[in-house]
C-alpha atoms as a PDB file:
ATOM      1  CA  MET A   1     -34.192 287.902 -29.717  1.00  0.00           C
ATOM      2  CA  ALA A   2     -31.847 289.643 -32.033  1.00  0.00           C
ATOM      3  CA  THR A   3     -29.772 287.740 -34.316  1.00  0.00           C
ATOM      4  CA  SER A   4     -26.057 288.539 -35.274  1.00  0.00           C
ATOM      5  CA  CYS A   5     -25.048 289.227 -38.801  1.00  0.00           C
ATOM      6  CA  ARG A   6     -21.478 288.012 -38.094  1.00  0.00           C
ATOM      7  CA  PRO A   7     -20.228 284.881 -39.735  1.00  0.00           C
ATOM      8  CA  ARG A   8     -20.507 281.665 -37.525  1.00  0.00           C
ATOM      9  CA  CYS A   9     -16.783 280.670 -38.052  1.00  0.00           C
ATOM     10  CA  PRO A  10     -14.140 283.359 -37.484  1.00  0.00           C
ATOM     11  CA  ARG A  11     -12.314 281.929 -40.226  1.00  0.00           C
ATOM     12  CA  ALA A  12     -14.932 282.546 -42.848  1.00  0.00           C
ATOM     13  CA  VAL A  13     -13.593 286.058 -43.360  1.00  0.00           C
ATOM     14  CA  ALA A  14     -10.700 285.874 -45.659  1.00  0.00           C
ATOM     15  CA  THR A  15      -7.755 287.913 -44.303  1.00  0.00           C
ATOM     16  CA  PRO A  16      -4.355 288.005 -46.018  1.00  0.00           C
ATOM     17  CA  PRO A  17      -1.630 285.936 -44.227  1.00  0.00           C
ATOM     18  CA  ASP A  18       1.170 287.619 -42.515  1.00  0.00           C
ATOM     19  CA  PRO A  19       4.203 287.102 -44.790  1.00  0.00           C
ATOM     20  CA  ARG A  20       6.568 286.606 -41.794  1.00  0.00           C
ATOM     21  CA  ALA A  21       4.388 283.823 -40.646  1.00  0.00           C
ATOM     22  CA  VAL A  22       4.195 282.219 -44.148  1.00  0.00           C
ATOM     23  CA  ARG A  23       7.994 282.436 -44.278  1.00  0.00           C
ATOM     24  CA  GLU A  24       8.544 280.935 -40.897  1.00  0.00           C
ATOM     25  CA  TYR A  25       5.976 278.230 -41.714  1.00  0.00           C
ATOM     26  CA  ALA A  26       7.919 277.450 -45.009  1.00  0.00           C
ATOM     27  CA  GLU A  27      11.316 277.374 -43.105  1.00  0.00           C
ATOM     28  CA  ARG A  28       9.914 275.024 -40.414  1.00  0.00           C
ATOM     29  CA  HIS A  29       8.696 272.577 -43.076  1.00  0.00           C
ATOM     30  CA  GLU A  30      11.717 272.805 -45.000  1.00  0.00           C
ATOM     31  CA  ARG A  31      13.824 271.881 -41.863  1.00  0.00           C
ATOM     32  CA  ALA A  32      11.352 269.086 -41.077  1.00  0.00           C
ATOM     33  CA  ALA A  33      11.718 267.758 -44.613  1.00  0.00           C
ATOM     34  CA  LEU A  34      15.536 267.590 -44.261  1.00  0.00           C
ATOM     35  CA  VAL A  35      15.255 265.981 -41.028  1.00  0.00           C
ATOM     36  CA  ALA A  36      12.785 263.364 -42.471  1.00  0.00           C
ATOM     37  CA  LYS A  37      15.179 262.908 -45.403  1.00  0.00           C
ATOM     38  CA  HIS A  38      18.233 262.391 -43.088  1.00  0.00           C
ATOM     39  CA  PHE A  39      16.244 260.011 -40.803  1.00  0.00           C
ATOM     40  CA  HIS A  40      15.208 257.906 -43.990  1.00  0.00           C
ATOM     41  CA  ALA A  41      18.943 257.866 -44.971  1.00  0.00           C
ATOM     42  CA  ALA A  42      20.012 256.862 -41.598  1.00  0.00           C
ATOM     43  CA  GLN A  43      17.323 253.991 -41.761  1.00  0.00           C
ATOM     44  CA  GLN A  44      19.065 252.707 -45.040  1.00  0.00           C
ATOM     45  CA  TRP A  45      22.590 253.112 -43.564  1.00  0.00           C
ATOM     46  CA  ASP A  46      24.533 249.815 -43.557  1.00  0.00           C
ATOM     47  CA  TYR A  47      27.244 250.397 -40.998  1.00  0.00           C
ATOM     48  CA  GLU A  48      28.869 247.083 -41.057  1.00  0.00           C
ATOM     49  CA  SER A  49      29.257 247.034 -44.824  1.00  0.00           C
ATOM     50  CA  TRP A  50      30.740 250.623 -44.702  1.00  0.00           C
ATOM     51  CA  GLN A  51      33.129 249.623 -42.021  1.00  0.00           C
ATOM     52  CA  GLN A  52      34.385 246.595 -44.085  1.00  0.00           C
ATOM     53  CA  ARG A  53      34.809 248.648 -47.102  1.00  0.00           C
ATOM     54  CA  ARG A  54      36.637 251.326 -45.264  1.00  0.00           C
ATOM     55  CA  VAL A  55      39.073 248.539 -43.849  1.00  0.00           C
ATOM     56  CA  GLU A  56      39.611 247.210 -47.307  1.00  0.00           C
ATOM     57  CA  ASP A  57      40.190 250.734 -48.705  1.00  0.00           C
ATOM     58  CA  LYS A  58      42.844 251.320 -46.185  1.00  0.00           C
ATOM     59  CA  GLN A  59      44.682 248.136 -46.699  1.00  0.00           C
ATOM     60  CA  GLY A  60      44.643 248.709 -50.406  1.00  0.00           C
ATOM     61  CA  GLY A  61      45.709 252.255 -50.119  1.00  0.00           C
ATOM     62  CA  ALA A  62      48.518 251.649 -47.422  1.00  0.00           C
END
């Protein structure tokens, strides 16, 4: 029985990453981080207090 000299894991051989793939990966993660930041801010949003302050501002400025 012949044995193979190839590595068991195809990822064992280090190949340089494709710069386009790395750029796309970074852009995707940047967009995901912005969405997560927006989602977190939306969780903290207090619409009722904002509405009340807006009414007060309009009454004071009119």
